[in-house]
Amino acid sequence: MFTAVTVLLILHGLCAVALMGVLSHQAFAVLFPAKSTGGFVTAYRAVSAARFTNASIVLYVVTFVLGSVIYPAYRVSARIWIETARLWPISGLFEMKEQALAIGLGMLPFYWLIWRDAKDPDTRTARIWTTSILCVVVWYSFLAGHIVNNVRGLLGQ
């Protein structure tokens, strides 16, 4: 039976997948700029990376808010079970996810600022590092969230 939390968890996951895709695409485009558009991998990198900035910010905030809404349900049910089962690495994985996402949220204004003028050579290094860090944060958070969700679902039922 689906509950409101289940529906929100599914929406949260879908937004996270979209955010991973957008940030991964932008990170590849900024880290490995393509000189031509021949072939799939080259065409994947040959996009205008600056066009992904606003979508990344909106998706990050929406995903963060959805995660914040479902967080109390996790805190009350899943986390208590995980700590009672003494699965400290799993609990720590989620704790690190919380911290990484908060840091990423704080980086968003700077991220927006450095992508405003994508042709500015003075901010190229900042764009590379900021986009890469956000991409790693989002990928780590997605994987950690799935591991925690699966551990509770597989072992806790």
C-alpha atoms as a PDB file:
ATOM      1  CA  MET A   1       0.000   0.000   0.000  1.00  0.00           C
ATOM      2  CA  PHE A   2       1.367   3.374  -1.015  1.00  0.00           C
ATOM      3  CA  THR A   3       1.549   6.068   1.612  1.00  0.00           C
ATOM      4  CA  ALA A   4       2.282   9.759   1.148  1.00  0.00           C
ATOM      5  CA  VAL A   5       5.867   9.145   2.269  1.00  0.00           C
ATOM      6  CA  THR A   6       6.300   6.428  -0.374  1.00  0.00           C
ATOM      7  CA  VAL A   7       5.023   8.727  -3.115  1.00  0.00           C
ATOM      8  CA  LEU A   8       7.309  11.539  -1.922  1.00  0.00           C
ATOM      9  CA  LEU A   9      10.250   9.108  -1.753  1.00  0.00           C
ATOM     10  CA  ILE A  10       9.633   8.083  -5.367  1.00  0.00           C
ATOM     11  CA  LEU A  11       9.415  11.744  -6.456  1.00  0.00           C
ATOM     12  CA  HIS A  12      12.570  12.477  -4.485  1.00  0.00           C
ATOM     13  CA  GLY A  13      14.351   9.631  -6.287  1.00  0.00           C
ATOM     14  CA  LEU A  14      13.162  10.755  -9.718  1.00  0.00           C
ATOM     15  CA  CYS A  15      14.330  14.318  -9.077  1.00  0.00           C
ATOM     16  CA  ALA A  16      17.673  12.952  -7.845  1.00  0.00           C
ATOM     17  CA  VAL A  17      18.131  10.933 -11.053  1.00  0.00           C
ATOM     18  CA  ALA A  18      17.357  14.016 -13.155  1.00  0.00           C
ATOM     19  CA  LEU A  19      19.800  16.077 -11.074  1.00  0.00           C
ATOM     20  CA  MET A  20      22.511  13.431 -11.496  1.00  0.00           C
ATOM     21  CA  GLY A  21      21.982  13.486 -15.240  1.00  0.00           C
ATOM     22  CA  VAL A  22      22.101  17.264 -15.532  1.00  0.00           C
ATOM     23  CA  LEU A  23      25.179  17.674 -13.330  1.00  0.00           C
ATOM     24  CA  SER A  24      26.988  14.730 -14.940  1.00  0.00           C
ATOM     25  CA  HIS A  25      26.330  16.147 -18.393  1.00  0.00           C
ATOM     26  CA  GLN A  26      27.569  19.569 -17.337  1.00  0.00           C
ATOM     27  CA  ALA A  27      30.629  18.124 -15.573  1.00  0.00           C
ATOM     28  CA  PHE A  28      31.662  16.127 -18.650  1.00  0.00           C
ATOM     29  CA  ALA A  29      31.172  19.176 -20.852  1.00  0.00           C
ATOM     30  CA  VAL A  30      33.322  21.394 -18.639  1.00  0.00           C
ATOM     31  CA  LEU A  31      35.985  18.814 -17.756  1.00  0.00           C
ATOM     32  CA  PHE A  32      36.440  17.355 -21.241  1.00  0.00           C
ATOM     33  CA  PRO A  33      35.332  19.968 -23.775  1.00  0.00           C
ATOM     34  CA  ALA A  34      34.838  18.536 -27.246  1.00  0.00           C
ATOM     35  CA  LYS A  35      36.586  19.960 -30.272  1.00  0.00           C
ATOM     36  CA  SER A  36      34.109  18.389 -32.722  1.00  0.00           C
ATOM     37  CA  THR A  37      30.656  16.782 -32.602  1.00  0.00           C
ATOM     38  CA  GLY A  38      31.400  13.402 -34.212  1.00  0.00           C
ATOM     39  CA  GLY A  39      30.376  10.286 -32.307  1.00  0.00           C
ATOM     40  CA  PHE A  40      28.163   9.785 -29.255  1.00  0.00           C
ATOM     41  CA  VAL A  41      30.762  10.459 -26.545  1.00  0.00           C
ATOM     42  CA  THR A  42      32.022  13.573 -28.272  1.00  0.00           C
ATOM     43  CA  ALA A  43      28.493  14.843 -28.858  1.00  0.00           C
ATOM     44  CA  TYR A  44      27.712  14.207 -25.170  1.00  0.00           C
ATOM     45  CA  ARG A  45      30.547  16.568 -24.240  1.00  0.00           C
ATOM     46  CA  ALA A  46      29.893  19.107 -27.009  1.00  0.00           C
ATOM     47  CA  VAL A  47      26.949  20.804 -25.289  1.00  0.00           C
ATOM     48  CA  SER A  48      26.756  24.298 -23.867  1.00  0.00           C
ATOM     49  CA  ALA A  49      27.518  23.545 -20.211  1.00  0.00           C
ATOM     50  CA  ALA A  50      26.208  26.920 -19.036  1.00  0.00           C
ATOM     51  CA  ARG A  51      22.678  25.989 -20.109  1.00  0.00           C
ATOM     52  CA  PHE A  52      22.495  23.368 -17.361  1.00  0.00           C
ATOM     53  CA  THR A  53      23.123  25.784 -14.483  1.00  0.00           C
ATOM     54  CA  ASN A  54      19.578  26.944 -13.707  1.00  0.00           C
ATOM     55  CA  ALA A  55      18.159  23.442 -14.149  1.00  0.00           C
ATOM     56  CA  SER A  56      20.788  22.090 -11.761  1.00  0.00           C
ATOM     57  CA  ILE A  57      19.967  24.693  -9.125  1.00  0.00           C
ATOM     58  CA  VAL A  58      16.197  24.166  -9.371  1.00  0.00           C
ATOM     59  CA  LEU A  59      16.527  20.372  -9.302  1.00  0.00           C
ATOM     60  CA  TYR A  60      18.955  20.521  -6.365  1.00  0.00           C
ATOM     61  CA  VAL A  61      16.604  22.694  -4.309  1.00  0.00           C
ATOM     62  CA  VAL A  62      13.499  20.645  -5.213  1.00  0.00           C
ATOM     63  CA  THR A  63      15.277  17.375  -4.399  1.00  0.00           C
ATOM     64  CA  PHE A  64      16.612  18.838  -1.153  1.00  0.00           C
ATOM     65  CA  VAL A  65      13.146  20.056  -0.098  1.00  0.00           C
ATOM     66  CA  LEU A  66      11.525  16.702  -0.930  1.00  0.00           C
ATOM     67  CA  GLY A  67      14.238  14.964   1.077  1.00  0.00           C
ATOM     68  CA  SER A  68      13.609  17.339   3.973  1.00  0.00           C
ATOM     69  CA  VAL A  69       9.897  16.540   3.910  1.00  0.00           C
ATOM     70  CA  ILE A  70      10.449  12.773   4.072  1.00  0.00           C
ATOM     71  CA  TYR A  71      13.367  13.026   6.533  1.00  0.00           C
ATOM     72  CA  PRO A  72      11.220  12.828   9.707  1.00  0.00           C
ATOM     73  CA  ALA A  73       9.753   9.504   8.544  1.00  0.00           C
ATOM     74  CA  TYR A  74      13.305   8.182   8.016  1.00  0.00           C
ATOM     75  CA  ARG A  75      14.428   9.545  11.382  1.00  0.00           C
ATOM     76  CA  VAL A  76      11.570   7.868  13.241  1.00  0.00           C
ATOM     77  CA  SER A  77      11.468   4.490  11.533  1.00  0.00           C
ATOM     78  CA  ALA A  78      14.485   3.529   9.451  1.00  0.00           C
ATOM     79  CA  ARG A  79      17.251   5.214  11.423  1.00  0.00           C
ATOM     80  CA  ILE A  80      16.072   3.840  14.758  1.00  0.00           C
ATOM     81  CA  TRP A  81      16.008   0.343  13.274  1.00  0.00           C
ATOM     82  CA  ILE A  82      19.453   0.776  11.680  1.00  0.00           C
ATOM     83  CA  GLU A  83      20.993   1.958  14.953  1.00  0.00           C
ATOM     84  CA  THR A  84      19.225  -0.755  16.967  1.00  0.00           C
ATOM     85  CA  ALA A  85      20.672  -3.310  14.532  1.00  0.00           C
ATOM     86  CA  ARG A  86      24.100  -1.702  15.145  1.00  0.00           C
ATOM     87  CA  LEU A  87      24.685  -1.015  11.461  1.00  0.00           C
ATOM     88  CA  TRP A  88      26.971   1.901  12.220  1.00  0.00           C
ATOM     89  CA  PRO A  89      28.574   2.133   8.758  1.00  0.00           C
ATOM     90  CA  ILE A  90      25.127   2.426   7.170  1.00  0.00           C
ATOM     91  CA  SER A  91      24.085   5.068   9.683  1.00  0.00           C
ATOM     92  CA  GLY A  92      27.339   6.958   9.110  1.00  0.00           C
ATOM     93  CA  LEU A  93      26.851   6.769   5.362  1.00  0.00           C
ATOM     94  CA  PHE A  94      23.580   8.665   5.711  1.00  0.00           C
ATOM     95  CA  GLU A  95      25.064  11.138   8.215  1.00  0.00           C
ATOM     96  CA  MET A  96      27.809  11.967   5.704  1.00  0.00           C
ATOM     97  CA  LYS A  97      25.143  12.355   3.005  1.00  0.00           C
ATOM     98  CA  GLU A  98      23.345  14.965   5.128  1.00  0.00           C
ATOM     99  CA  GLN A  99      26.534  16.968   5.615  1.00  0.00           C
ATOM    100  CA  ALA A 100      27.592  16.768   1.960  1.00  0.00           C
ATOM    101  CA  LEU A 101      24.167  17.921   0.749  1.00  0.00           C
ATOM    102  CA  ALA A 102      24.174  20.857   3.158  1.00  0.00           C
ATOM    103  CA  ILE A 103      27.581  21.926   1.859  1.00  0.00           C
ATOM    104  CA  GLY A 104      26.315  21.552  -1.717  1.00  0.00           C
ATOM    105  CA  LEU A 105      23.283  23.695  -0.900  1.00  0.00           C
ATOM    106  CA  GLY A 106      25.603  26.385   0.426  1.00  0.00           C
ATOM    107  CA  MET A 107      27.675  26.212  -2.782  1.00  0.00           C
ATOM    108  CA  LEU A 108      24.721  26.931  -5.089  1.00  0.00           C
ATOM    109  CA  PRO A 109      24.952  30.768  -5.008  1.00  0.00           C
ATOM    110  CA  PHE A 110      28.653  30.596  -5.904  1.00  0.00           C
ATOM    111  CA  TYR A 111      27.895  27.980  -8.564  1.00  0.00           C
ATOM    112  CA  TRP A 112      25.304  30.286 -10.124  1.00  0.00           C
ATOM    113  CA  LEU A 113      27.690  33.259  -9.967  1.00  0.00           C
ATOM    114  CA  ILE A 114      30.591  31.553 -11.744  1.00  0.00           C
ATOM    115  CA  TRP A 115      28.351  30.159 -14.481  1.00  0.00           C
ATOM    116  CA  ARG A 116      26.733  33.543 -15.260  1.00  0.00           C
ATOM    117  CA  ASP A 117      29.541  34.312 -17.681  1.00  0.00           C
ATOM    118  CA  ALA A 118      30.703  30.940 -18.958  1.00  0.00           C
ATOM    119  CA  LYS A 119      33.157  32.511 -21.394  1.00  0.00           C
ATOM    120  CA  ASP A 120      35.158  34.260 -18.665  1.00  0.00           C
ATOM    121  CA  PRO A 121      38.567  32.525 -18.613  1.00  0.00           C
ATOM    122  CA  ASP A 122      39.266  33.785 -15.080  1.00  0.00           C
ATOM    123  CA  THR A 123      36.507  31.597 -13.607  1.00  0.00           C
ATOM    124  CA  ARG A 124      37.149  28.460 -15.678  1.00  0.00           C
ATOM    125  CA  THR A 125      38.977  26.653 -12.879  1.00  0.00           C
ATOM    126  CA  ALA A 126      36.277  27.618 -10.379  1.00  0.00           C
ATOM    127  CA  ARG A 127      33.595  26.296 -12.765  1.00  0.00           C
ATOM    128  CA  ILE A 128      35.440  23.016 -13.183  1.00  0.00           C
ATOM    129  CA  TRP A 129      35.952  22.456  -9.442  1.00  0.00           C
ATOM    130  CA  THR A 130      32.534  23.650  -8.289  1.00  0.00           C
ATOM    131  CA  THR A 131      30.668  21.615 -10.891  1.00  0.00           C
ATOM    132  CA  SER A 132      32.798  18.547 -10.160  1.00  0.00           C
ATOM    133  CA  ILE A 133      32.264  18.834  -6.405  1.00  0.00           C
ATOM    134  CA  LEU A 134      28.501  19.219  -6.825  1.00  0.00           C
ATOM    135  CA  CYS A 135      28.451  16.254  -9.196  1.00  0.00           C
ATOM    136  CA  VAL A 136      30.335  14.063  -6.701  1.00  0.00           C
ATOM    137  CA  VAL A 137      28.068  15.208  -3.843  1.00  0.00           C
ATOM    138  CA  VAL A 138      24.939  14.349  -5.807  1.00  0.00           C
ATOM    139  CA  TRP A 139      26.238  10.953  -6.954  1.00  0.00           C
ATOM    140  CA  TYR A 140      27.426  10.058  -3.445  1.00  0.00           C
ATOM    141  CA  SER A 141      24.112  11.140  -1.937  1.00  0.00           C
ATOM    142  CA  PHE A 142      22.110   9.160  -4.464  1.00  0.00           C
ATOM    143  CA  LEU A 143      24.097   5.977  -3.840  1.00  0.00           C
ATOM    144  CA  ALA A 144      24.111   6.429  -0.046  1.00  0.00           C
ATOM    145  CA  GLY A 145      20.355   7.042  -0.017  1.00  0.00           C
ATOM    146  CA  HIS A 146      19.736   3.903  -2.037  1.00  0.00           C
ATOM    147  CA  ILE A 147      21.979   1.788   0.169  1.00  0.00           C
ATOM    148  CA  VAL A 148      20.238   2.998   3.339  1.00  0.00           C
ATOM    149  CA  ASN A 149      16.798   2.526   1.800  1.00  0.00           C
ATOM    150  CA  ASN A 150      17.674  -0.979   0.587  1.00  0.00           C
ATOM    151  CA  VAL A 151      19.222  -2.067   3.887  1.00  0.00           C
ATOM    152  CA  ARG A 152      16.112  -1.028   5.781  1.00  0.00           C
ATOM    153  CA  GLY A 153      13.860  -2.595   3.165  1.00  0.00           C
ATOM    154  CA  LEU A 154      15.759  -5.889   2.909  1.00  0.00           C
ATOM    155  CA  LEU A 155      16.771  -6.480   6.518  1.00  0.00           C
ATOM    156  CA  GLY A 156      14.076  -4.612   8.404  1.00  0.00           C
ATOM    157  CA  GLN A 157      10.948  -6.257   7.049  1.00  0.00           C
END
